[in-house]
């Protein structure tokens, strides 16, 4: 990526992999984006963050999937995403929400460009990698994410989505 500095001179930046983390939900879904840039002029690396809590009303299944897919695809294109990491859902029997949440990765695979890698990771794996215990609470995960990224995130959906990227 090439941009102009304050004096109007060309300034070169090398952008590493752009990653999106998704903590799926039928009412609220945490979407986070993390990318690093290396400024050749300053010889310094910068980490950039974006996060958003997508909220869905009580929508019909197809309407929910369509709105969720559009939101993810839009951000994927806007931020030139290379990899999407989605929290893998467990399957609960006779539970409409868990059945719907298990459709999300398949829908995302269908709508994003073919060159985007999609990875599903279980929450226990993320917690163990991040906190050292697969049984960490949402509050423990939130605090660890804030500590590592130097942020002040309050929402568990957002911190869970960031945790996928660390």
N, C-alpha and C. Protein backbone atom coordinates (compact mmCIF):
# COMPACT_ATOMS: atom_id res chain seq x y z
N UNK A 1 0.85 -1.16 0.00
CA UNK A 1 0.00 0.00 0.00
C UNK A 1 0.90 1.23 0.00
N UNK A 2 0.61 2.19 -0.85
CA UNK A 2 1.39 3.41 -0.91
C UNK A 2 0.47 4.58 -0.58
N UNK A 3 0.95 5.47 0.30
CA UNK A 3 0.18 6.65 0.67
C UNK A 3 1.10 7.86 0.66
N UNK A 4 0.52 9.04 0.83
CA UNK A 4 1.31 10.27 0.90
C UNK A 4 1.48 10.66 2.35
N UNK A 5 2.68 11.17 2.68
CA UNK A 5 2.88 11.67 4.04
C UNK A 5 2.41 13.12 4.12
N UNK A 6 2.63 13.78 5.27
CA UNK A 6 2.15 15.15 5.47
C UNK A 6 2.75 16.14 4.48
N UNK A 7 3.95 15.87 4.00
CA UNK A 7 4.62 16.77 3.07
C UNK A 7 4.28 16.44 1.61
N UNK A 8 3.41 15.48 1.38
CA UNK A 8 3.01 15.11 0.04
C UNK A 8 3.96 14.16 -0.66
N UNK A 9 4.94 13.64 0.08
CA UNK A 9 5.88 12.68 -0.51
C UNK A 9 5.32 11.28 -0.37
N UNK A 10 5.74 10.43 -1.27
CA UNK A 10 5.30 9.04 -1.21
C UNK A 10 5.83 8.37 0.05
N UNK A 11 4.96 7.64 0.69
CA UNK A 11 5.33 6.91 1.90
C UNK A 11 4.87 5.49 1.67
N UNK A 12 5.75 4.53 1.85
CA UNK A 12 5.40 3.15 1.57
C UNK A 12 5.13 2.40 2.86
N UNK A 13 4.10 1.58 2.78
CA UNK A 13 3.76 0.72 3.91
C UNK A 13 3.58 -0.68 3.38
N UNK A 14 4.03 -1.62 4.13
CA UNK A 14 3.81 -3.02 3.80
C UNK A 14 2.71 -3.52 4.73
N UNK A 15 1.64 -4.02 4.16
CA UNK A 15 0.54 -4.52 4.97
C UNK A 15 0.65 -6.03 5.03
N UNK A 16 0.65 -6.56 6.24
CA UNK A 16 0.67 -8.01 6.42
C UNK A 16 -0.76 -8.53 6.32
N UNK A 17 -0.96 -9.74 6.74
CA UNK A 17 -2.25 -10.39 6.62
C UNK A 17 -3.35 -9.64 7.37
N UNK A 18 -4.47 -9.42 6.71
CA UNK A 18 -5.65 -8.81 7.33
C UNK A 18 -6.57 -9.92 7.79
N UNK A 19 -6.89 -9.92 9.08
CA UNK A 19 -7.70 -11.02 9.65
C UNK A 19 -8.99 -10.48 10.26
N UNK A 20 -10.05 -11.26 10.10
CA UNK A 20 -11.35 -10.94 10.69
C UNK A 20 -11.71 -12.05 11.67
N UNK A 21 -12.15 -11.66 12.85
CA UNK A 21 -12.64 -12.62 13.84
C UNK A 21 -14.14 -12.46 13.99
N UNK A 22 -14.85 -13.57 14.06
CA UNK A 22 -16.31 -13.52 14.19
C UNK A 22 -16.75 -14.39 15.36
N UNK A 23 -17.44 -13.75 16.31
CA UNK A 23 -18.09 -14.46 17.41
C UNK A 23 -19.58 -14.49 17.05
N UNK A 24 -20.06 -15.60 16.47
CA UNK A 24 -21.42 -15.63 15.93
C UNK A 24 -22.49 -15.56 17.01
N UNK A 25 -23.60 -14.97 16.64
CA UNK A 25 -24.76 -14.92 17.51
C UNK A 25 -25.98 -14.59 16.67
N UNK A 26 -27.15 -14.98 17.14
CA UNK A 26 -28.37 -14.70 16.37
C UNK A 26 -28.96 -13.33 16.71
N UNK A 27 -28.58 -12.77 17.85
CA UNK A 27 -29.05 -11.42 18.22
C UNK A 27 -27.92 -10.40 18.12
N UNK A 28 -26.72 -10.78 18.56
CA UNK A 28 -25.54 -9.92 18.49
C UNK A 28 -24.35 -10.75 18.01
N UNK A 29 -23.57 -10.16 17.12
CA UNK A 29 -22.42 -10.87 16.58
C UNK A 29 -21.21 -9.92 16.62
N UNK A 30 -20.15 -10.37 17.29
CA UNK A 30 -18.94 -9.57 17.36
C UNK A 30 -18.10 -9.78 16.11
N UNK A 31 -17.72 -8.68 15.47
CA UNK A 31 -16.86 -8.74 14.29
C UNK A 31 -15.65 -7.85 14.57
N UNK A 32 -14.47 -8.43 14.46
CA UNK A 32 -13.24 -7.68 14.70
C UNK A 32 -12.30 -7.86 13.53
N UNK A 33 -11.48 -6.86 13.30
CA UNK A 33 -10.49 -6.92 12.23
C UNK A 33 -9.17 -6.44 12.80
N UNK A 34 -8.13 -7.16 12.46
CA UNK A 34 -6.79 -6.86 12.95
C UNK A 34 -5.84 -6.91 11.77
N UNK A 35 -5.04 -5.86 11.62
CA UNK A 35 -4.03 -5.88 10.57
C UNK A 35 -2.82 -5.08 11.03
N UNK A 36 -1.66 -5.50 10.55
CA UNK A 36 -0.39 -4.83 10.88
C UNK A 36 0.14 -4.14 9.64
N UNK A 37 0.72 -2.98 9.85
CA UNK A 37 1.38 -2.26 8.77
C UNK A 37 2.80 -1.97 9.21
N UNK A 38 3.70 -2.06 8.27
CA UNK A 38 5.09 -1.70 8.56
C UNK A 38 5.40 -0.45 7.75
N UNK A 39 5.71 0.63 8.43
CA UNK A 39 6.03 1.90 7.79
C UNK A 39 7.52 1.89 7.45
N UNK A 40 7.83 1.89 6.16
CA UNK A 40 9.22 1.83 5.71
C UNK A 40 9.99 3.10 6.06
N UNK A 41 9.31 4.25 6.06
CA UNK A 41 9.99 5.50 6.40
C UNK A 41 10.40 5.53 7.87
N UNK A 42 9.49 5.14 8.75
CA UNK A 42 9.76 5.19 10.20
C UNK A 42 10.36 3.90 10.73
N UNK A 43 10.38 2.87 9.87
CA UNK A 43 10.88 1.55 10.26
C UNK A 43 10.21 1.09 11.55
N UNK A 44 8.89 1.16 11.53
CA UNK A 44 8.11 0.81 12.72
C UNK A 44 6.85 0.08 12.29
N UNK A 45 6.45 -0.87 13.11
CA UNK A 45 5.23 -1.63 12.83
C UNK A 45 4.08 -1.06 13.65
N UNK A 46 2.93 -0.94 13.01
CA UNK A 46 1.73 -0.46 13.66
C UNK A 46 0.66 -1.54 13.58
N UNK A 47 -0.07 -1.74 14.65
CA UNK A 47 -1.20 -2.66 14.65
C UNK A 47 -2.48 -1.83 14.60
N UNK A 48 -3.34 -2.17 13.68
CA UNK A 48 -4.60 -1.46 13.52
C UNK A 48 -5.75 -2.38 13.92
N UNK A 49 -6.80 -1.79 14.49
CA UNK A 49 -7.95 -2.55 14.96
C UNK A 49 -9.24 -1.93 14.44
N UNK A 50 -10.21 -2.79 14.23
CA UNK A 50 -11.57 -2.36 13.94
C UNK A 50 -12.48 -3.34 14.65
N UNK A 51 -13.53 -2.86 15.25
CA UNK A 51 -14.51 -3.78 15.83
C UNK A 51 -15.89 -3.18 15.74
N UNK A 52 -16.84 -4.09 15.67
CA UNK A 52 -18.24 -3.68 15.56
C UNK A 52 -19.12 -4.79 16.14
N UNK A 53 -20.14 -4.38 16.83
CA UNK A 53 -21.13 -5.32 17.33
C UNK A 53 -22.34 -5.23 16.41
N UNK A 54 -22.53 -6.28 15.62
CA UNK A 54 -23.69 -6.32 14.71
C UNK A 54 -24.89 -6.80 15.50
N UNK A 55 -25.98 -6.07 15.39
CA UNK A 55 -27.20 -6.43 16.12
C UNK A 55 -28.28 -6.81 15.12
N UNK A 56 -28.95 -7.91 15.42
CA UNK A 56 -30.02 -8.41 14.56
C UNK A 56 -31.31 -8.43 15.36
N UNK A 57 -32.37 -7.97 14.73
CA UNK A 57 -33.68 -8.01 15.37
C UNK A 57 -34.23 -9.42 15.23
N UNK A 58 -35.38 -9.66 15.77
CA UNK A 58 -36.01 -10.98 15.63
C UNK A 58 -36.41 -11.16 14.17
N UNK A 59 -35.47 -11.66 13.40
CA UNK A 59 -35.67 -11.82 11.97
C UNK A 59 -35.97 -13.27 11.64
N UNK A 60 -36.60 -13.47 10.51
CA UNK A 60 -36.78 -14.83 10.02
C UNK A 60 -35.42 -15.39 9.65
N UNK A 61 -35.30 -16.70 9.60
CA UNK A 61 -34.01 -17.35 9.38
C UNK A 61 -33.33 -16.85 8.11
N UNK A 62 -34.02 -16.85 7.00
CA UNK A 62 -33.40 -16.44 5.74
C UNK A 62 -33.01 -14.96 5.77
N UNK A 63 -33.84 -14.13 6.39
CA UNK A 63 -33.52 -12.71 6.50
C UNK A 63 -32.28 -12.50 7.36
N UNK A 64 -32.18 -13.24 8.47
CA UNK A 64 -31.01 -13.15 9.33
C UNK A 64 -29.74 -13.55 8.57
N UNK A 65 -29.79 -14.71 7.89
CA UNK A 65 -28.62 -15.20 7.16
C UNK A 65 -28.21 -14.23 6.06
N UNK A 66 -29.18 -13.65 5.38
CA UNK A 66 -28.89 -12.70 4.32
C UNK A 66 -28.25 -11.43 4.88
N UNK A 67 -28.80 -10.89 5.96
CA UNK A 67 -28.24 -9.67 6.57
C UNK A 67 -26.85 -9.92 7.15
N UNK A 68 -26.67 -11.06 7.79
CA UNK A 68 -25.36 -11.41 8.35
C UNK A 68 -24.33 -11.57 7.23
N UNK A 69 -24.70 -12.27 6.17
CA UNK A 69 -23.79 -12.51 5.04
C UNK A 69 -23.40 -11.19 4.39
N UNK A 70 -24.36 -10.31 4.19
CA UNK A 70 -24.08 -9.01 3.58
C UNK A 70 -23.11 -8.21 4.45
N UNK A 71 -23.34 -8.19 5.76
CA UNK A 71 -22.47 -7.43 6.68
C UNK A 71 -21.04 -7.96 6.65
N UNK A 72 -20.87 -9.27 6.67
CA UNK A 72 -19.53 -9.87 6.65
C UNK A 72 -18.85 -9.63 5.30
N UNK A 73 -19.57 -9.85 4.22
CA UNK A 73 -19.01 -9.67 2.89
C UNK A 73 -18.57 -8.21 2.67
N UNK A 74 -19.38 -7.25 3.11
CA UNK A 74 -19.05 -5.84 2.97
C UNK A 74 -17.74 -5.52 3.69
N UNK A 75 -17.60 -5.97 4.93
CA UNK A 75 -16.39 -5.69 5.69
C UNK A 75 -15.19 -6.45 5.13
N UNK A 76 -15.43 -7.64 4.61
CA UNK A 76 -14.37 -8.44 4.01
C UNK A 76 -13.78 -7.70 2.81
N UNK A 77 -14.63 -7.12 1.99
CA UNK A 77 -14.16 -6.37 0.82
C UNK A 77 -13.56 -5.03 1.23
N UNK A 78 -14.18 -4.34 2.17
CA UNK A 78 -13.71 -3.03 2.59
C UNK A 78 -12.30 -3.09 3.19
N UNK A 79 -12.02 -4.15 3.95
CA UNK A 79 -10.74 -4.28 4.63
C UNK A 79 -9.79 -5.28 3.96
N UNK A 80 -10.16 -5.76 2.78
CA UNK A 80 -9.31 -6.68 2.02
C UNK A 80 -8.84 -7.85 2.90
N UNK A 81 -9.79 -8.55 3.46
CA UNK A 81 -9.52 -9.63 4.42
C UNK A 81 -8.89 -10.83 3.72
N UNK A 82 -7.84 -11.37 4.36
CA UNK A 82 -7.17 -12.58 3.87
C UNK A 82 -7.68 -13.83 4.58
N UNK A 83 -7.98 -13.69 5.88
CA UNK A 83 -8.39 -14.84 6.69
C UNK A 83 -9.55 -14.45 7.60
N UNK A 84 -10.54 -15.32 7.67
CA UNK A 84 -11.65 -15.15 8.62
C UNK A 84 -11.58 -16.30 9.60
N UNK A 85 -11.59 -15.96 10.89
CA UNK A 85 -11.59 -16.98 11.94
C UNK A 85 -12.91 -16.88 12.68
N UNK A 86 -13.63 -17.99 12.70
CA UNK A 86 -14.97 -18.03 13.28
C UNK A 86 -14.96 -18.97 14.47
N UNK A 87 -15.62 -18.55 15.55
CA UNK A 87 -15.74 -19.45 16.69
C UNK A 87 -16.66 -20.60 16.31
N UNK A 88 -16.14 -21.81 16.45
CA UNK A 88 -16.90 -23.01 16.11
C UNK A 88 -17.97 -23.23 17.18
N UNK A 89 -19.15 -23.50 16.72
CA UNK A 89 -20.27 -23.70 17.64
C UNK A 89 -20.45 -25.17 17.95
N UNK A 90 -20.88 -25.43 19.16
CA UNK A 90 -21.22 -26.80 19.53
C UNK A 90 -22.68 -27.02 19.13
N UNK A 91 -23.05 -28.24 18.95
CA UNK A 91 -24.41 -28.55 18.52
C UNK A 91 -25.23 -29.02 19.70
N UNK A 92 -26.26 -28.26 20.02
CA UNK A 92 -27.20 -28.66 21.06
C UNK A 92 -28.45 -29.21 20.37
N UNK A 93 -28.96 -30.28 20.87
CA UNK A 93 -30.12 -30.90 20.26
C UNK A 93 -31.38 -30.07 20.51
N UNK A 94 -32.23 -30.02 19.49
CA UNK A 94 -33.52 -29.33 19.56
C UNK A 94 -33.37 -27.86 19.92
N UNK A 95 -32.32 -27.24 19.48
CA UNK A 95 -32.11 -25.84 19.78
C UNK A 95 -32.00 -25.08 18.45
N UNK A 96 -32.99 -24.25 18.16
CA UNK A 96 -33.05 -23.51 16.90
C UNK A 96 -31.82 -22.61 16.73
N UNK A 97 -31.44 -21.93 17.80
CA UNK A 97 -30.31 -21.00 17.69
C UNK A 97 -29.01 -21.71 17.37
N UNK A 98 -28.72 -22.83 18.02
CA UNK A 98 -27.46 -23.53 17.73
C UNK A 98 -27.46 -24.08 16.31
N UNK A 99 -28.60 -24.53 15.83
CA UNK A 99 -28.70 -25.00 14.44
C UNK A 99 -28.43 -23.86 13.48
N UNK A 100 -28.98 -22.70 13.77
CA UNK A 100 -28.78 -21.53 12.93
C UNK A 100 -27.33 -21.06 12.96
N UNK A 101 -26.73 -21.06 14.15
CA UNK A 101 -25.34 -20.63 14.29
C UNK A 101 -24.39 -21.55 13.53
N UNK A 102 -24.72 -22.82 13.44
CA UNK A 102 -23.88 -23.75 12.71
C UNK A 102 -23.95 -23.54 11.20
N UNK A 103 -24.94 -22.81 10.73
CA UNK A 103 -25.04 -22.47 9.30
C UNK A 103 -24.13 -21.30 8.92
N UNK A 104 -23.78 -20.46 9.90
CA UNK A 104 -23.05 -19.24 9.61
C UNK A 104 -21.74 -19.49 8.85
N UNK A 105 -20.87 -20.41 9.29
CA UNK A 105 -19.63 -20.62 8.53
C UNK A 105 -19.87 -21.04 7.08
N UNK A 106 -20.88 -21.88 6.85
CA UNK A 106 -21.17 -22.33 5.49
C UNK A 106 -21.65 -21.17 4.62
N UNK A 107 -22.48 -20.31 5.19
CA UNK A 107 -22.98 -19.15 4.45
C UNK A 107 -21.82 -18.20 4.12
N UNK A 108 -20.95 -17.97 5.09
CA UNK A 108 -19.81 -17.08 4.87
C UNK A 108 -18.90 -17.65 3.77
N UNK A 109 -18.67 -18.95 3.79
CA UNK A 109 -17.83 -19.58 2.75
C UNK A 109 -18.39 -19.35 1.36
N UNK A 110 -19.70 -19.30 1.26
CA UNK A 110 -20.34 -19.12 -0.04
C UNK A 110 -20.25 -17.70 -0.56
N UNK A 111 -20.16 -16.70 0.33
CA UNK A 111 -20.27 -15.32 -0.13
C UNK A 111 -18.95 -14.58 -0.24
N UNK A 112 -17.92 -15.00 0.49
CA UNK A 112 -16.65 -14.26 0.43
C UNK A 112 -15.83 -14.77 -0.76
N UNK A 113 -14.87 -13.96 -1.22
CA UNK A 113 -14.03 -14.41 -2.34
C UNK A 113 -13.32 -15.72 -2.02
N UNK A 114 -13.05 -16.51 -3.07
CA UNK A 114 -12.46 -17.84 -2.91
C UNK A 114 -11.10 -17.84 -2.23
N UNK A 115 -10.34 -16.75 -2.41
CA UNK A 115 -8.98 -16.73 -1.85
C UNK A 115 -8.95 -16.40 -0.35
N UNK A 116 -10.08 -16.11 0.24
CA UNK A 116 -10.14 -15.84 1.69
C UNK A 116 -10.16 -17.16 2.44
N UNK A 117 -9.18 -17.35 3.34
CA UNK A 117 -9.15 -18.58 4.15
C UNK A 117 -10.17 -18.44 5.27
N UNK A 118 -10.89 -19.53 5.53
CA UNK A 118 -11.86 -19.55 6.63
C UNK A 118 -11.47 -20.67 7.58
N UNK A 119 -11.30 -20.28 8.84
CA UNK A 119 -10.88 -21.22 9.87
C UNK A 119 -11.91 -21.19 10.99
N UNK A 120 -12.29 -22.36 11.46
CA UNK A 120 -13.18 -22.46 12.62
C UNK A 120 -12.39 -22.99 13.80
N UNK A 121 -12.53 -22.31 14.94
CA UNK A 121 -11.81 -22.70 16.15
C UNK A 121 -12.81 -22.78 17.30
N UNK A 122 -12.71 -23.83 18.09
CA UNK A 122 -13.57 -23.99 19.25
C UNK A 122 -13.21 -23.02 20.36
N UNK A 123 -14.19 -22.63 21.15
CA UNK A 123 -13.95 -21.64 22.20
C UNK A 123 -12.98 -22.14 23.26
N UNK A 124 -13.02 -23.42 23.58
CA UNK A 124 -12.08 -23.96 24.58
C UNK A 124 -10.64 -23.88 24.09
N UNK A 125 -10.43 -24.12 22.81
CA UNK A 125 -9.08 -24.01 22.22
C UNK A 125 -8.58 -22.58 22.32
N UNK A 126 -9.45 -21.62 22.01
CA UNK A 126 -9.07 -20.20 22.07
C UNK A 126 -8.74 -19.82 23.51
N UNK A 127 -9.59 -20.21 24.43
CA UNK A 127 -9.37 -19.87 25.85
C UNK A 127 -8.08 -20.47 26.37
N UNK A 128 -7.80 -21.70 25.97
CA UNK A 128 -6.57 -22.35 26.44
C UNK A 128 -5.34 -21.64 25.89
N UNK A 129 -5.38 -21.28 24.62
CA UNK A 129 -4.25 -20.59 24.00
C UNK A 129 -4.06 -19.19 24.60
N UNK A 130 -5.16 -18.51 24.85
CA UNK A 130 -5.11 -17.13 25.32
C UNK A 130 -4.83 -17.03 26.82
N UNK A 131 -5.50 -17.87 27.58
CA UNK A 131 -5.48 -17.73 29.04
C UNK A 131 -4.77 -18.88 29.75
N UNK A 132 -4.55 -19.98 29.04
CA UNK A 132 -3.88 -21.12 29.66
C UNK A 132 -4.85 -22.16 30.19
N UNK A 133 -6.14 -21.83 30.16
CA UNK A 133 -7.16 -22.76 30.63
C UNK A 133 -8.35 -22.71 29.67
N UNK A 134 -8.81 -23.88 29.27
CA UNK A 134 -9.97 -23.95 28.38
C UNK A 134 -11.26 -23.60 29.09
N UNK A 135 -11.19 -23.42 30.41
CA UNK A 135 -12.38 -23.11 31.19
C UNK A 135 -12.39 -21.65 31.66
N UNK A 136 -11.64 -20.78 31.01
CA UNK A 136 -11.62 -19.37 31.38
C UNK A 136 -13.01 -18.76 31.18
N UNK A 137 -13.36 -17.83 32.05
CA UNK A 137 -14.65 -17.16 31.94
C UNK A 137 -14.58 -16.08 30.87
N UNK A 138 -15.74 -15.59 30.46
CA UNK A 138 -15.78 -14.51 29.48
C UNK A 138 -15.07 -13.27 30.03
N UNK A 139 -15.20 -13.01 31.32
CA UNK A 139 -14.55 -11.86 31.94
C UNK A 139 -13.02 -12.02 31.90
N UNK A 140 -12.53 -13.22 32.16
CA UNK A 140 -11.08 -13.46 32.10
C UNK A 140 -10.57 -13.27 30.67
N UNK A 141 -11.32 -13.74 29.69
CA UNK A 141 -10.94 -13.57 28.28
C UNK A 141 -10.93 -12.08 27.93
N UNK A 142 -11.97 -11.36 28.34
CA UNK A 142 -12.07 -9.93 28.05
C UNK A 142 -10.86 -9.17 28.62
N UNK A 143 -10.52 -9.46 29.86
CA UNK A 143 -9.38 -8.78 30.50
C UNK A 143 -8.06 -9.11 29.79
N UNK A 144 -7.88 -10.36 29.40
CA UNK A 144 -6.64 -10.76 28.72
C UNK A 144 -6.53 -10.10 27.34
N UNK A 145 -7.63 -10.02 26.62
CA UNK A 145 -7.64 -9.36 25.30
C UNK A 145 -7.29 -7.89 25.47
N UNK A 146 -7.92 -7.23 26.44
CA UNK A 146 -7.62 -5.81 26.69
C UNK A 146 -6.15 -5.60 27.06
N UNK A 147 -5.62 -6.50 27.86
CA UNK A 147 -4.22 -6.41 28.28
C UNK A 147 -3.29 -6.55 27.08
N UNK A 148 -3.53 -7.55 26.26
CA UNK A 148 -2.64 -7.82 25.12
C UNK A 148 -2.72 -6.76 24.03
N UNK A 149 -3.91 -6.21 23.82
CA UNK A 149 -4.08 -5.24 22.75
C UNK A 149 -4.02 -3.79 23.23
N UNK A 150 -4.03 -3.60 24.54
CA UNK A 150 -4.00 -2.24 25.07
C UNK A 150 -5.30 -1.49 24.82
N UNK A 151 -6.41 -2.20 24.83
CA UNK A 151 -7.72 -1.61 24.57
C UNK A 151 -8.57 -1.64 25.84
N UNK A 152 -9.76 -1.06 25.74
CA UNK A 152 -10.71 -1.07 26.86
C UNK A 152 -12.06 -1.56 26.36
N UNK A 153 -12.08 -2.78 25.89
CA UNK A 153 -13.30 -3.37 25.35
C UNK A 153 -14.18 -3.82 26.52
N UNK A 154 -15.46 -3.51 26.43
CA UNK A 154 -16.40 -3.89 27.49
C UNK A 154 -17.30 -5.05 27.08
N UNK A 155 -17.54 -5.18 25.79
CA UNK A 155 -18.50 -6.18 25.30
C UNK A 155 -17.82 -7.54 25.13
N UNK A 156 -18.46 -8.58 25.67
CA UNK A 156 -17.90 -9.94 25.58
C UNK A 156 -17.87 -10.48 24.15
N UNK A 157 -18.84 -10.10 23.32
CA UNK A 157 -18.84 -10.57 21.93
C UNK A 157 -17.63 -10.03 21.17
N UNK A 158 -17.29 -8.78 21.44
CA UNK A 158 -16.13 -8.17 20.78
C UNK A 158 -14.84 -8.80 21.29
N UNK A 159 -14.72 -8.95 22.62
CA UNK A 159 -13.48 -9.54 23.15
C UNK A 159 -13.33 -10.99 22.71
N UNK A 160 -14.42 -11.73 22.60
CA UNK A 160 -14.34 -13.11 22.10
C UNK A 160 -13.88 -13.14 20.65
N UNK A 161 -14.36 -12.19 19.84
CA UNK A 161 -13.96 -12.13 18.44
C UNK A 161 -12.48 -11.77 18.31
N UNK A 162 -12.00 -10.83 19.15
CA UNK A 162 -10.57 -10.49 19.14
C UNK A 162 -9.73 -11.67 19.61
N UNK A 163 -10.23 -12.41 20.60
CA UNK A 163 -9.49 -13.55 21.13
C UNK A 163 -9.19 -14.57 20.03
N UNK A 164 -10.07 -14.71 19.07
CA UNK A 164 -9.85 -15.63 17.95
C UNK A 164 -8.63 -15.23 17.13
N UNK A 165 -8.30 -13.95 17.12
CA UNK A 165 -7.21 -13.45 16.28
C UNK A 165 -5.86 -13.44 16.96
N UNK A 166 -5.84 -13.67 18.25
CA UNK A 166 -4.57 -13.61 19.01
C UNK A 166 -3.90 -14.96 19.07
